[in-house]
């Protein structure tokens, strides 16, 4: 055992580190292609925030995701694939999107973002159905509130598996198709104010750690994948006024959240959707490795 350990340590001195390659910038041909995808002029009001191509949204049938989906379609996305665990429960909402945007191809698939094989298969099927994956918005996530001294390690692992590892699995699967196609792409992670400060009053160490890890994941992939024309950014929402934060059991916490926020309220899903649109549109073309905090100023305290 001692000899083996010494051999392992000796091997460290023979390592050759892989190295990142930085982007050489966009070519005139790629600039012309980008312009061809956007019918409105680059400097026009419509062209500035226009979106082109096909998007995958994970956690895609949730309240925030449906608002984001509608906004992305309004700004020009030609195709949309929604990944979630229970698509059947949201058939009516999906049909409403299809009715409102009859010219867009809108599909949904049941996918567990922690299942690498299932995600890879779903991304491949999305390419077959829509023709490409040009954008990925990772909204899938779970929350776990528990005192650290009492929290089962299984809960810790599950939260990080969904929120952090699941985001990486989806991003890598999407990026692989983007690299093969050679036209770049946009990836957005959903971090949180929990990545920037400790929440109060609820203890949620696993959630906070998972979101903090997403910030570094975003930055690392932004550096590594820029050479392929892929940008990776994140959005950090504050407390949002959705069904997840309703109910009498959360009334006291909601009061504290609002009182500790300079804006005195929680955010609305459409207030996140606008930031996502900006990141996916022409306006966000030079954003890479950025995190945008959308929390009404709550993080300043």
Protein backbone atom coordinates (compact mmCIF):
# COMPACT_ATOMS: atom_id res chain seq x y z
CA UNK A 1 0.00 0.00 0.00
CA UNK A 2 2.83 2.40 0.93
CA UNK A 3 4.68 1.64 -2.32
CA UNK A 4 1.52 2.23 -4.33
CA UNK A 5 0.94 5.55 -2.59
CA UNK A 6 4.53 6.64 -3.31
CA UNK A 7 4.10 5.65 -6.96
CA UNK A 8 0.90 7.73 -7.21
CA UNK A 9 2.66 10.75 -5.75
CA UNK A 10 5.59 10.30 -8.13
CA UNK A 11 3.19 10.19 -11.09
CA UNK A 12 1.97 13.68 -10.20
CA UNK A 13 5.26 15.15 -11.41
CA UNK A 14 4.66 13.65 -14.87
CA UNK A 15 1.28 15.26 -15.44
CA UNK A 16 0.58 17.24 -18.58
CA UNK A 17 -2.27 19.69 -18.01
CA UNK A 18 -4.93 20.15 -20.68
CA UNK A 19 -5.17 23.80 -21.74
CA UNK A 20 -8.11 25.97 -22.74
CA UNK A 21 -8.17 27.71 -26.11
CA UNK A 22 -9.61 31.20 -26.26
CA UNK A 23 -11.83 32.42 -29.08
CA UNK A 24 -10.25 34.16 -32.05
CA UNK A 25 -13.34 36.32 -32.53
CA UNK A 26 -16.13 36.15 -35.08
CA UNK A 27 -15.47 36.04 -38.79
CA UNK A 28 -17.25 38.19 -41.41
CA UNK A 29 -19.07 35.05 -42.53
CA UNK A 30 -20.43 34.39 -39.04
CA UNK A 31 -21.45 38.04 -38.70
CA UNK A 32 -23.32 37.83 -42.00
CA UNK A 33 -25.05 34.63 -40.87
CA UNK A 34 -26.17 36.25 -37.61
CA UNK A 35 -27.59 39.22 -39.51
CA UNK A 36 -29.45 36.87 -41.85
CA UNK A 37 -31.21 35.22 -38.91
CA UNK A 38 -32.64 38.52 -37.66
CA UNK A 39 -35.03 40.23 -40.09
CA UNK A 40 -34.94 43.55 -38.25
CA UNK A 41 -31.88 45.80 -38.43
CA UNK A 42 -29.25 45.36 -35.72
CA UNK A 43 -29.70 48.91 -34.41
CA UNK A 44 -33.51 48.95 -34.55
CA UNK A 45 -35.80 48.55 -31.55
CA UNK A 46 -37.10 45.24 -32.86
CA UNK A 47 -33.71 43.93 -33.93
CA UNK A 48 -31.91 44.77 -30.74
CA UNK A 49 -33.88 42.29 -28.66
CA UNK A 50 -34.69 39.77 -31.38
CA UNK A 51 -34.15 36.06 -30.73
CA UNK A 52 -33.42 33.52 -33.44
CA UNK A 53 -33.35 29.73 -33.37
CA UNK A 54 -34.56 26.97 -31.08
CA UNK A 55 -34.54 26.93 -27.30
CA UNK A 56 -34.63 24.18 -24.68
CA UNK A 57 -35.99 25.14 -21.27
CA UNK A 58 -35.57 22.76 -18.33
CA UNK A 59 -38.14 22.83 -15.57
CA UNK A 60 -40.10 24.02 -18.56
CA UNK A 61 -43.65 23.63 -17.30
CA UNK A 62 -43.22 25.57 -14.05
CA UNK A 63 -44.81 28.96 -13.45
CA UNK A 64 -41.67 30.96 -14.20
CA UNK A 65 -40.72 28.75 -17.15
CA UNK A 66 -44.06 29.23 -18.88
CA UNK A 67 -43.71 33.01 -18.62
CA UNK A 68 -40.13 32.80 -19.90
CA UNK A 69 -41.24 30.52 -22.74
CA UNK A 70 -43.88 32.98 -23.90
CA UNK A 71 -41.40 35.86 -23.82
CA UNK A 72 -38.79 33.91 -25.81
CA UNK A 73 -41.41 33.07 -28.44
CA UNK A 74 -42.66 36.65 -28.56
CA UNK A 75 -39.15 37.82 -29.40
CA UNK A 76 -38.70 35.44 -32.29
CA UNK A 77 -37.69 31.92 -31.24
CA UNK A 78 -38.78 29.51 -33.96
CA UNK A 79 -38.84 26.37 -31.82
CA UNK A 80 -39.19 25.48 -28.16
CA UNK A 81 -38.62 22.23 -26.28
CA UNK A 82 -39.72 22.00 -22.65
CA UNK A 83 -38.07 19.45 -20.35
CA UNK A 84 -39.81 18.56 -17.10
CA UNK A 85 -40.72 15.63 -14.87
CA UNK A 86 -44.51 15.82 -15.25
CA UNK A 87 -45.46 17.21 -18.63
CA UNK A 88 -49.01 15.83 -18.56
CA UNK A 89 -49.96 18.13 -15.68
CA UNK A 90 -49.27 21.15 -17.88
CA UNK A 91 -50.82 20.06 -21.17
CA UNK A 92 -53.34 22.92 -21.08
CA UNK A 93 -50.62 25.54 -20.61
CA UNK A 94 -48.52 24.00 -23.38
CA UNK A 95 -51.53 23.94 -25.71
CA UNK A 96 -52.16 27.62 -24.93
CA UNK A 97 -48.61 28.42 -26.07
CA UNK A 98 -49.11 26.39 -29.24
CA UNK A 99 -52.36 28.22 -29.95
CA UNK A 100 -50.78 31.63 -29.38
CA UNK A 101 -47.71 30.88 -31.51
CA UNK A 102 -48.95 28.62 -34.33
CA UNK A 103 -45.89 29.32 -36.50
CA UNK A 104 -43.47 28.05 -33.86
CA UNK A 105 -42.78 24.40 -33.17
CA UNK A 106 -43.44 23.78 -29.47
CA UNK A 107 -42.87 20.37 -27.89
CA UNK A 108 -42.41 18.95 -24.38
CA UNK A 109 -40.67 15.85 -23.05
CA UNK A 110 -40.48 14.22 -19.65
CA UNK A 111 -36.82 14.32 -18.65
CA UNK A 112 -34.97 13.87 -15.36
CA UNK A 113 -32.10 16.36 -15.57
CA UNK A 114 -29.95 14.20 -13.27
CA UNK A 115 -30.08 11.28 -15.73
CA UNK A 116 -27.19 11.80 -18.15
CA UNK A 117 -28.37 9.19 -20.63
CA UNK A 118 -31.94 10.51 -20.64
CA UNK A 119 -30.78 14.11 -21.11
CA UNK A 120 -28.47 13.18 -23.98
CA UNK A 121 -31.29 11.26 -25.67
CA UNK A 122 -33.72 14.15 -25.16
CA UNK A 123 -31.28 16.68 -26.63
CA UNK A 124 -30.68 14.40 -29.64
CA UNK A 125 -34.44 14.05 -30.11
CA UNK A 126 -34.79 17.82 -29.87
CA UNK A 127 -32.29 18.26 -32.70
CA UNK A 128 -34.27 15.74 -34.76
CA UNK A 129 -37.57 17.49 -34.00
CA UNK A 130 -36.59 21.16 -34.16
CA UNK A 131 -33.46 20.97 -36.31
CA UNK A 132 -31.04 22.42 -33.76
CA UNK A 133 -30.49 23.46 -30.17
CA UNK A 134 -29.37 27.10 -30.20
CA UNK A 135 -30.30 28.13 -26.66
CA UNK A 136 -30.61 26.41 -23.29
CA UNK A 137 -32.26 27.94 -20.25
CA UNK A 138 -31.83 25.83 -17.09
CA UNK A 139 -34.73 26.53 -14.74
CA UNK A 140 -35.07 23.07 -13.20
CA UNK A 141 -34.32 23.08 -9.49
CA UNK A 142 -35.48 22.04 -6.05
CA UNK A 143 -35.37 23.68 -2.62
CA UNK A 144 -34.60 22.00 0.68
CA UNK A 145 -34.98 23.85 3.97
CA UNK A 146 -33.49 22.04 6.96
CA UNK A 147 -31.15 22.69 9.85
CA UNK A 148 -27.67 21.53 8.90
CA UNK A 149 -27.26 19.51 12.09
CA UNK A 150 -30.35 17.46 11.29
CA UNK A 151 -30.42 17.32 7.49
CA UNK A 152 -29.99 13.84 6.00
CA UNK A 153 -26.99 13.59 3.68
CA UNK A 154 -29.38 12.12 1.11
CA UNK A 155 -31.17 15.47 1.00
CA UNK A 156 -27.87 17.34 0.57
CA UNK A 157 -26.91 15.07 -2.32
CA UNK A 158 -30.31 15.31 -3.99
CA UNK A 159 -30.36 19.13 -3.95
CA UNK A 160 -26.85 19.40 -5.41
CA UNK A 161 -27.58 16.62 -7.90
CA UNK A 162 -30.60 18.42 -9.35
CA UNK A 163 -29.50 22.04 -9.07
CA UNK A 164 -25.81 21.82 -9.92
CA UNK A 165 -25.01 18.47 -11.52
CA UNK A 166 -28.29 18.50 -13.46
CA UNK A 167 -27.48 21.92 -14.88
CA UNK A 168 -24.03 20.71 -15.97
CA UNK A 169 -25.44 17.56 -17.57
CA UNK A 170 -27.93 19.59 -19.60
CA UNK A 171 -25.39 22.28 -20.52
CA UNK A 172 -22.81 19.77 -21.71
CA UNK A 173 -25.35 17.82 -23.78
CA UNK A 174 -26.58 21.02 -25.41
CA UNK A 175 -23.05 22.37 -25.93
CA UNK A 176 -21.95 19.19 -27.68
CA UNK A 177 -24.66 19.67 -30.31
CA UNK A 178 -23.79 23.36 -30.62
CA UNK A 179 -20.13 22.53 -31.19
CA UNK A 180 -20.98 19.93 -33.85
CA UNK A 181 -23.18 22.40 -35.68
CA UNK A 182 -20.56 25.12 -35.48
CA UNK A 183 -22.89 28.08 -35.04
CA UNK A 184 -22.40 28.82 -31.36
CA UNK A 185 -25.19 29.14 -28.84
CA UNK A 186 -26.46 30.63 -25.59
CA UNK A 187 -26.72 28.91 -22.20
CA UNK A 188 -28.33 30.41 -19.10
CA UNK A 189 -28.19 28.94 -15.61
CA UNK A 190 -30.58 29.93 -12.83
CA UNK A 191 -28.49 30.75 -9.79
CA UNK A 192 -30.08 32.72 -6.94
CA UNK A 193 -29.56 35.43 -4.37
CA UNK A 194 -28.78 32.35 -2.27
CA UNK A 195 -25.51 32.17 -4.22
CA UNK A 196 -24.59 35.63 -2.95
CA UNK A 197 -25.72 35.71 0.67
CA UNK A 198 -27.26 33.54 3.38
CA UNK A 199 -31.06 33.64 3.34
CA UNK A 200 -33.10 34.56 6.41
CA UNK A 201 -34.96 33.17 8.29
CA UNK A 202 -34.92 29.71 6.68
CA UNK A 203 -31.85 27.43 6.96
CA UNK A 204 -31.03 25.94 3.54
CA UNK A 205 -27.34 25.15 3.36
CA UNK A 206 -27.65 22.59 0.54
CA UNK A 207 -29.63 24.94 -1.69
CA UNK A 208 -27.26 27.84 -1.04
CA UNK A 209 -24.22 25.68 -1.78
CA UNK A 210 -25.79 24.35 -4.97
CA UNK A 211 -26.48 27.84 -6.27
CA UNK A 212 -23.06 29.16 -5.28
CA UNK A 213 -21.52 26.30 -7.24
CA UNK A 214 -23.57 27.30 -10.27
CA UNK A 215 -21.85 30.69 -10.35
CA UNK A 216 -18.44 29.08 -10.72
CA UNK A 217 -19.81 26.52 -13.17
CA UNK A 218 -21.12 29.39 -15.27
CA UNK A 219 -17.79 31.22 -15.22
CA UNK A 220 -15.73 28.11 -15.94
CA UNK A 221 -17.83 27.05 -18.92
CA UNK A 222 -17.97 30.63 -20.22
CA UNK A 223 -14.18 30.60 -20.42
CA UNK A 224 -13.89 27.10 -21.82
CA UNK A 225 -16.64 27.24 -24.45
CA UNK A 226 -16.15 30.76 -25.78
CA UNK A 227 -13.91 29.35 -28.50
CA UNK A 228 -17.02 27.65 -29.93
CA UNK A 229 -19.10 30.82 -29.91
CA UNK A 230 -21.10 29.59 -26.90
CA UNK A 231 -21.86 32.11 -24.18
CA UNK A 232 -22.72 30.99 -20.65
CA UNK A 233 -24.39 33.37 -18.22
CA UNK A 234 -26.63 33.14 -15.17
CA UNK A 235 -29.50 34.96 -13.57
CA UNK A 236 -29.87 35.24 -9.79
CA UNK A 237 -33.51 35.77 -8.81
CA UNK A 238 -34.66 36.92 -5.43
CA UNK A 239 -37.89 35.69 -3.87
CA UNK A 240 -40.49 35.33 -6.60
CA UNK A 241 -44.26 35.63 -6.20
CA UNK A 242 -45.20 32.13 -7.39
CA UNK A 243 -47.09 29.18 -5.97
CA UNK A 244 -43.86 27.92 -4.38
CA UNK A 245 -43.94 30.86 -1.98
CA UNK A 246 -47.67 30.82 -1.21
CA UNK A 247 -49.58 29.36 1.74
CA UNK A 248 -50.13 30.24 5.37
CA UNK A 249 -47.12 28.18 6.40
CA UNK A 250 -44.87 30.71 4.66
CA UNK A 251 -46.76 33.85 5.71
CA UNK A 252 -44.27 34.81 8.44
CA UNK A 253 -41.30 34.20 6.13
CA UNK A 254 -42.89 36.26 3.33
CA UNK A 255 -43.34 39.14 5.75
CA UNK A 256 -39.66 39.00 6.69
CA UNK A 257 -38.53 38.72 3.06
CA UNK A 258 -40.56 41.78 2.07
CA UNK A 259 -39.53 43.83 5.10
CA UNK A 260 -35.83 43.15 4.44
CA UNK A 261 -36.09 44.13 0.76
CA UNK A 262 -35.72 47.80 -0.27
CA UNK A 263 -38.50 47.26 -2.83
CA UNK A 264 -40.82 45.87 -0.16
CA UNK A 265 -42.08 42.98 -2.26
CA UNK A 266 -41.29 39.77 -4.10
CA UNK A 267 -40.56 39.68 -7.81
CA UNK A 268 -42.89 38.70 -10.64
CA UNK A 269 -42.04 36.01 -13.22
CA UNK A 270 -42.18 38.54 -16.08
CA UNK A 271 -39.47 40.54 -14.32
CA UNK A 272 -37.17 37.55 -14.80
CA UNK A 273 -38.37 36.85 -18.33
CA UNK A 274 -37.15 40.22 -19.59
CA UNK A 275 -33.62 39.53 -18.38
CA UNK A 276 -33.64 36.08 -20.02
CA UNK A 277 -34.78 37.66 -23.30
CA UNK A 278 -31.95 40.17 -23.12
CA UNK A 279 -29.38 37.42 -22.54
CA UNK A 280 -30.67 35.34 -25.47
CA UNK A 281 -31.12 38.24 -27.86
CA UNK A 282 -28.75 40.29 -29.96
CA UNK A 283 -28.49 42.69 -27.05
CA UNK A 284 -26.74 40.01 -25.01
CA UNK A 285 -24.30 38.86 -27.66
CA UNK A 286 -21.23 40.18 -25.80
CA UNK A 287 -22.36 38.95 -22.38
CA UNK A 288 -20.35 35.95 -21.26
CA UNK A 289 -19.65 34.72 -17.75
CA UNK A 290 -22.03 37.31 -16.29
CA UNK A 291 -24.53 36.93 -13.46
CA UNK A 292 -27.49 39.30 -13.26
CA UNK A 293 -29.11 39.69 -9.85
CA UNK A 294 -32.86 40.35 -10.05
CA UNK A 295 -34.06 40.74 -6.47
CA UNK A 296 -35.41 44.25 -5.91
CA UNK A 297 -32.22 45.21 -4.09
CA UNK A 298 -32.47 42.53 -1.42
CA UNK A 299 -28.80 41.58 -1.73
CA UNK A 300 -27.58 45.02 -0.66
CA UNK A 301 -28.33 44.26 3.00
